[in-house]
Amino acid sequence: MVSEPAKSTGVTFPYEKQAMNGDEMPEGLPYYDQLMYQQLRLLYDAFKKGIIDRETAQKEKRQMLNEYECYKIQWQMIDDVSDIIRRTELARAEFRKAPSIDAGWNLLNACEGRKAA
């Protein structure tokens, strides 16, 4: 899936000012936000040191935002699939042991996140 280019070059993330200041990464960020935090910290550091100019920093940040959105969606899909596998594990085992209409309904309910009938 190709996302539209990010247009904003202002502060975009709740932790961005911390990254801008070179602060330690906040606790509890999902993996994709940990990566973005580290990228932002490096980007701002390179800008402050004069390694890159503002235009380059803005261009690179837009690229990072586009990749972040795609990466975040992928991680959320992985989390969703993992949740389904975890949620349906017992119902799948029961269906394999003794296939029946009731076991099939229980499996379907587990897939949909509903309680077994």
N, C-alpha and C. Protein backbone atom coordinates (compact mmCIF):
# COMPACT_ATOMS: atom_id res chain seq x y z
N MET A 1 0.85 -1.17 0.00
CA MET A 1 0.00 0.00 0.00
C MET A 1 0.89 1.23 0.00
N VAL A 2 0.66 2.14 -0.89
CA VAL A 2 1.44 3.37 -0.99
C VAL A 2 0.62 4.48 -0.35
N SER A 3 1.20 5.13 0.65
CA SER A 3 0.49 6.22 1.29
C SER A 3 0.83 7.53 0.59
N GLU A 4 -0.04 8.52 0.78
CA GLU A 4 0.22 9.83 0.19
C GLU A 4 1.40 10.47 0.91
N PRO A 5 2.13 11.30 0.22
CA PRO A 5 3.27 11.95 0.86
C PRO A 5 2.83 12.80 2.04
N ALA A 6 3.61 12.74 3.10
CA ALA A 6 3.31 13.56 4.27
C ALA A 6 3.65 15.01 3.92
N LYS A 7 2.77 15.93 4.30
CA LYS A 7 2.97 17.33 3.96
C LYS A 7 3.57 18.13 5.11
N SER A 8 3.29 17.72 6.35
CA SER A 8 3.73 18.49 7.50
C SER A 8 5.21 18.28 7.78
N THR A 9 5.88 19.35 8.09
CA THR A 9 7.27 19.24 8.55
C THR A 9 7.40 19.81 9.95
N GLY A 10 6.28 20.14 10.59
CA GLY A 10 6.29 20.63 11.96
C GLY A 10 6.38 19.47 12.92
N VAL A 11 6.14 19.75 14.19
CA VAL A 11 6.15 18.71 15.21
C VAL A 11 4.97 17.80 14.95
N THR A 12 5.23 16.51 14.77
CA THR A 12 4.22 15.57 14.36
C THR A 12 3.89 14.54 15.45
N PHE A 13 4.86 14.21 16.27
CA PHE A 13 4.70 13.15 17.25
C PHE A 13 4.73 13.73 18.66
N PRO A 14 4.03 13.10 19.61
CA PRO A 14 4.02 13.63 20.98
C PRO A 14 5.41 13.62 21.62
N TYR A 15 6.28 12.79 21.11
CA TYR A 15 7.63 12.67 21.67
C TYR A 15 8.68 13.41 20.84
N GLU A 16 8.25 14.14 19.85
CA GLU A 16 9.20 14.74 18.92
C GLU A 16 10.08 15.81 19.56
N LYS A 17 9.51 16.62 20.45
CA LYS A 17 10.33 17.64 21.10
C LYS A 17 11.42 17.01 21.97
N GLN A 18 11.11 15.87 22.58
CA GLN A 18 12.12 15.15 23.35
C GLN A 18 13.24 14.68 22.43
N ALA A 19 12.87 14.14 21.28
CA ALA A 19 13.87 13.70 20.30
C ALA A 19 14.68 14.89 19.81
N MET A 20 14.01 16.01 19.59
CA MET A 20 14.67 17.22 19.13
C MET A 20 15.73 17.68 20.14
N ASN A 21 15.43 17.50 21.43
CA ASN A 21 16.35 17.90 22.49
C ASN A 21 17.42 16.85 22.78
N GLY A 22 17.32 15.69 22.12
CA GLY A 22 18.28 14.62 22.35
C GLY A 22 18.04 13.86 23.64
N ASP A 23 16.82 13.98 24.18
CA ASP A 23 16.48 13.29 25.43
C ASP A 23 16.42 11.78 25.25
N GLU A 24 16.45 11.10 26.38
CA GLU A 24 16.30 9.65 26.39
C GLU A 24 14.91 9.27 25.86
N MET A 25 14.84 8.14 25.18
CA MET A 25 13.57 7.69 24.60
C MET A 25 12.56 7.39 25.71
N PRO A 26 11.32 7.84 25.57
CA PRO A 26 10.29 7.55 26.58
C PRO A 26 10.00 6.05 26.68
N GLU A 27 9.61 5.63 27.86
CA GLU A 27 9.24 4.23 28.09
C GLU A 27 7.90 3.91 27.42
N GLY A 28 7.73 2.66 27.04
CA GLY A 28 6.43 2.16 26.60
C GLY A 28 6.05 2.45 25.16
N LEU A 29 6.97 2.95 24.35
CA LEU A 29 6.63 3.19 22.95
C LEU A 29 6.59 1.88 22.19
N PRO A 30 5.62 1.72 21.28
CA PRO A 30 5.66 0.54 20.41
C PRO A 30 6.93 0.57 19.56
N TYR A 31 7.30 -0.58 19.04
CA TYR A 31 8.56 -0.70 18.30
C TYR A 31 8.69 0.33 17.18
N TYR A 32 7.62 0.52 16.40
CA TYR A 32 7.70 1.46 15.27
C TYR A 32 7.91 2.90 15.76
N ASP A 33 7.39 3.24 16.94
CA ASP A 33 7.63 4.57 17.49
C ASP A 33 9.04 4.69 18.08
N GLN A 34 9.56 3.59 18.60
CA GLN A 34 10.94 3.60 19.07
C GLN A 34 11.89 3.90 17.91
N LEU A 35 11.63 3.25 16.78
CA LEU A 35 12.47 3.50 15.60
C LEU A 35 12.34 4.94 15.13
N MET A 36 11.11 5.45 15.10
CA MET A 36 10.91 6.83 14.66
C MET A 36 11.57 7.80 15.62
N TYR A 37 11.47 7.54 16.91
CA TYR A 37 12.11 8.42 17.90
C TYR A 37 13.62 8.50 17.63
N GLN A 38 14.23 7.35 17.44
CA GLN A 38 15.67 7.31 17.21
C GLN A 38 16.03 8.01 15.90
N GLN A 39 15.22 7.82 14.87
CA GLN A 39 15.48 8.50 13.59
C GLN A 39 15.36 10.01 13.74
N LEU A 40 14.32 10.46 14.44
CA LEU A 40 14.14 11.89 14.64
C LEU A 40 15.30 12.49 15.44
N ARG A 41 15.72 11.77 16.47
CA ARG A 41 16.83 12.28 17.29
C ARG A 41 18.09 12.44 16.44
N LEU A 42 18.35 11.47 15.57
CA LEU A 42 19.52 11.56 14.68
C LEU A 42 19.35 12.69 13.66
N LEU A 43 18.16 12.83 13.12
CA LEU A 43 17.90 13.88 12.13
C LEU A 43 18.11 15.27 12.74
N TYR A 44 17.51 15.49 13.91
CA TYR A 44 17.67 16.80 14.56
C TYR A 44 19.12 17.05 14.96
N ASP A 45 19.81 16.02 15.38
CA ASP A 45 21.21 16.17 15.75
C ASP A 45 22.05 16.57 14.52
N ALA A 46 21.79 15.92 13.39
CA ALA A 46 22.52 16.25 12.16
C ALA A 46 22.24 17.69 11.74
N PHE A 47 20.97 18.12 11.90
CA PHE A 47 20.62 19.50 11.56
C PHE A 47 21.34 20.50 12.48
N LYS A 48 21.30 20.23 13.79
CA LYS A 48 21.94 21.13 14.76
C LYS A 48 23.44 21.24 14.54
N LYS A 49 24.06 20.14 14.12
CA LYS A 49 25.51 20.13 13.90
C LYS A 49 25.90 20.70 12.54
N GLY A 50 24.88 21.04 11.72
CA GLY A 50 25.16 21.62 10.41
C GLY A 50 25.54 20.60 9.35
N ILE A 51 25.32 19.34 9.64
CA ILE A 51 25.63 18.28 8.67
C ILE A 51 24.65 18.35 7.51
N ILE A 52 23.40 18.68 7.82
CA ILE A 52 22.37 18.86 6.78
C ILE A 52 21.70 20.21 7.00
N ASP A 53 21.16 20.77 5.90
CA ASP A 53 20.46 22.04 6.02
C ASP A 53 18.97 21.80 6.27
N ARG A 54 18.22 22.88 6.52
CA ARG A 54 16.79 22.76 6.86
C ARG A 54 16.00 22.07 5.74
N GLU A 55 16.27 22.44 4.50
CA GLU A 55 15.53 21.85 3.37
C GLU A 55 15.75 20.34 3.31
N THR A 56 16.99 19.92 3.48
CA THR A 56 17.30 18.49 3.47
C THR A 56 16.63 17.79 4.65
N ALA A 57 16.68 18.43 5.82
CA ALA A 57 16.05 17.85 7.01
C ALA A 57 14.54 17.68 6.80
N GLN A 58 13.90 18.69 6.21
CA GLN A 58 12.46 18.60 5.95
C GLN A 58 12.14 17.50 4.95
N LYS A 59 12.96 17.40 3.90
CA LYS A 59 12.76 16.36 2.89
C LYS A 59 12.91 14.97 3.52
N GLU A 60 13.95 14.81 4.32
CA GLU A 60 14.18 13.50 4.95
C GLU A 60 13.08 13.17 5.95
N LYS A 61 12.60 14.18 6.67
CA LYS A 61 11.53 13.93 7.63
C LYS A 61 10.25 13.48 6.90
N ARG A 62 9.94 14.11 5.77
CA ARG A 62 8.77 13.69 4.98
C ARG A 62 8.91 12.23 4.55
N GLN A 63 10.11 11.85 4.11
CA GLN A 63 10.35 10.47 3.71
C GLN A 63 10.17 9.52 4.90
N MET A 64 10.70 9.94 6.05
CA MET A 64 10.56 9.13 7.26
C MET A 64 9.10 8.96 7.65
N LEU A 65 8.31 10.03 7.54
CA LEU A 65 6.89 9.96 7.89
C LEU A 65 6.14 8.99 6.97
N ASN A 66 6.46 9.03 5.69
CA ASN A 66 5.81 8.11 4.75
C ASN A 66 6.12 6.67 5.10
N GLU A 67 7.39 6.38 5.36
CA GLU A 67 7.80 5.02 5.71
C GLU A 67 7.22 4.61 7.06
N TYR A 68 7.15 5.54 7.99
CA TYR A 68 6.59 5.27 9.32
C TYR A 68 5.15 4.79 9.19
N GLU A 69 4.36 5.49 8.40
CA GLU A 69 2.95 5.11 8.24
C GLU A 69 2.81 3.69 7.69
N CYS A 70 3.59 3.36 6.69
CA CYS A 70 3.54 2.01 6.12
C CYS A 70 3.99 0.97 7.14
N TYR A 71 5.07 1.27 7.83
CA TYR A 71 5.64 0.34 8.83
C TYR A 71 4.66 0.15 9.98
N LYS A 72 4.02 1.22 10.41
CA LYS A 72 3.06 1.15 11.51
C LYS A 72 1.89 0.25 11.13
N ILE A 73 1.39 0.41 9.92
CA ILE A 73 0.28 -0.43 9.44
C ILE A 73 0.70 -1.90 9.42
N GLN A 74 1.90 -2.18 8.94
CA GLN A 74 2.39 -3.55 8.91
C GLN A 74 2.47 -4.14 10.31
N TRP A 75 3.01 -3.40 11.26
CA TRP A 75 3.12 -3.89 12.64
C TRP A 75 1.75 -4.09 13.26
N GLN A 76 0.80 -3.21 12.97
CA GLN A 76 -0.55 -3.37 13.50
C GLN A 76 -1.21 -4.62 12.92
N MET A 77 -0.95 -4.90 11.63
CA MET A 77 -1.49 -6.12 11.03
C MET A 77 -0.88 -7.36 11.68
N ILE A 78 0.41 -7.33 11.94
CA ILE A 78 1.08 -8.44 12.61
C ILE A 78 0.48 -8.65 14.00
N ASP A 79 0.25 -7.55 14.72
CA ASP A 79 -0.37 -7.64 16.05
C ASP A 79 -1.77 -8.23 15.96
N ASP A 80 -2.55 -7.81 14.96
CA ASP A 80 -3.91 -8.33 14.78
C ASP A 80 -3.89 -9.83 14.50
N VAL A 81 -3.02 -10.26 13.61
CA VAL A 81 -2.93 -11.69 13.28
C VAL A 81 -2.48 -12.49 14.49
N SER A 82 -1.50 -11.97 15.22
CA SER A 82 -1.03 -12.65 16.44
C SER A 82 -2.16 -12.78 17.44
N ASP A 83 -2.96 -11.73 17.56
CA ASP A 83 -4.09 -11.76 18.49
C ASP A 83 -5.11 -12.82 18.07
N ILE A 84 -5.39 -12.90 16.78
CA ILE A 84 -6.33 -13.92 16.29
C ILE A 84 -5.80 -15.32 16.57
N ILE A 85 -4.54 -15.55 16.30
CA ILE A 85 -3.94 -16.87 16.54
C ILE A 85 -4.03 -17.22 18.02
N ARG A 86 -3.69 -16.28 18.88
CA ARG A 86 -3.73 -16.52 20.32
C ARG A 86 -5.17 -16.77 20.78
N ARG A 87 -6.10 -15.97 20.28
CA ARG A 87 -7.50 -16.05 20.68
C ARG A 87 -8.16 -17.34 20.21
N THR A 88 -7.72 -17.87 19.08
CA THR A 88 -8.39 -19.04 18.49
C THR A 88 -7.69 -20.36 18.79
N GLU A 89 -6.57 -20.32 19.48
CA GLU A 89 -5.76 -21.53 19.69
C GLU A 89 -6.57 -22.68 20.27
N LEU A 90 -7.30 -22.46 21.34
CA LEU A 90 -8.09 -23.53 21.97
C LEU A 90 -9.20 -24.02 21.04
N ALA A 91 -9.91 -23.10 20.40
CA ALA A 91 -11.02 -23.48 19.51
C ALA A 91 -10.51 -24.28 18.32
N ARG A 92 -9.32 -23.92 17.79
CA ARG A 92 -8.76 -24.69 16.67
C ARG A 92 -8.39 -26.10 17.10
N ALA A 93 -7.81 -26.22 18.29
CA ALA A 93 -7.43 -27.55 18.80
C ALA A 93 -8.67 -28.41 19.03
N GLU A 94 -9.72 -27.82 19.59
CA GLU A 94 -10.97 -28.55 19.82
C GLU A 94 -11.60 -29.00 18.51
N PHE A 95 -11.58 -28.14 17.51
CA PHE A 95 -12.16 -28.49 16.21
C PHE A 95 -11.38 -29.63 15.56
N ARG A 96 -10.05 -29.61 15.67
CA ARG A 96 -9.23 -30.68 15.08
C ARG A 96 -9.48 -32.02 15.78
N LYS A 97 -9.65 -31.97 17.11
CA LYS A 97 -9.88 -33.21 17.87
C LYS A 97 -11.24 -33.82 17.54
N ALA A 98 -12.26 -32.98 17.51
CA ALA A 98 -13.62 -33.48 17.30
C ALA A 98 -14.39 -32.48 16.43
N PRO A 99 -14.18 -32.58 15.10
CA PRO A 99 -14.88 -31.64 14.21
C PRO A 99 -16.40 -31.79 14.34
N SER A 100 -17.07 -30.70 14.53
CA SER A 100 -18.53 -30.70 14.60
C SER A 100 -19.01 -29.29 14.26
N ILE A 101 -20.31 -29.17 14.07
CA ILE A 101 -20.88 -27.86 13.77
C ILE A 101 -20.66 -26.93 14.97
N ASP A 102 -20.89 -27.44 16.19
CA ASP A 102 -20.70 -26.61 17.38
C ASP A 102 -19.25 -26.16 17.51
N ALA A 103 -18.31 -27.08 17.26
CA ALA A 103 -16.89 -26.73 17.34
C ALA A 103 -16.54 -25.71 16.26
N GLY A 104 -17.17 -25.85 15.09
CA GLY A 104 -16.95 -24.89 14.01
C GLY A 104 -17.48 -23.51 14.38
N TRP A 105 -18.67 -23.46 15.01
CA TRP A 105 -19.21 -22.17 15.45
C TRP A 105 -18.32 -21.55 16.53
N ASN A 106 -17.82 -22.38 17.44
CA ASN A 106 -16.92 -21.87 18.48
C ASN A 106 -15.66 -21.27 17.86
N LEU A 107 -15.14 -21.94 16.84
CA LEU A 107 -13.95 -21.44 16.15
C LEU A 107 -14.25 -20.11 15.45
N LEU A 108 -15.40 -20.06 14.77
CA LEU A 108 -15.79 -18.82 14.09
C LEU A 108 -15.96 -17.68 15.11
N ASN A 109 -16.62 -17.97 16.22
CA ASN A 109 -16.79 -16.94 17.26
C ASN A 109 -15.44 -16.46 17.79
N ALA A 110 -14.52 -17.40 17.98
CA ALA A 110 -13.18 -17.03 18.47
C ALA A 110 -12.48 -16.14 17.44
N CYS A 111 -12.62 -16.46 16.16
CA CYS A 111 -12.00 -15.64 15.10
C CYS A 111 -12.56 -14.22 15.11
N GLU A 112 -13.84 -14.12 15.40
CA GLU A 112 -14.50 -12.81 15.42
C GLU A 112 -14.40 -12.11 16.76
N GLY A 113 -13.78 -12.77 17.73
CA GLY A 113 -13.62 -12.16 19.04
C GLY A 113 -14.86 -12.25 19.91
N ARG A 114 -15.75 -13.17 19.58
CA ARG A 114 -16.98 -13.35 20.37
C ARG A 114 -16.80 -14.51 21.34
N LYS A 115 -17.61 -14.55 22.36
CA LYS A 115 -17.58 -15.67 23.31
C LYS A 115 -18.24 -16.89 22.69
N ALA A 116 -17.75 -18.07 23.08
CA ALA A 116 -18.31 -19.33 22.56
C ALA A 116 -19.75 -19.46 22.98
N ALA A 117 -20.55 -20.05 22.09
CA ALA A 117 -21.98 -20.22 22.38
C ALA A 117 -22.23 -21.30 23.39
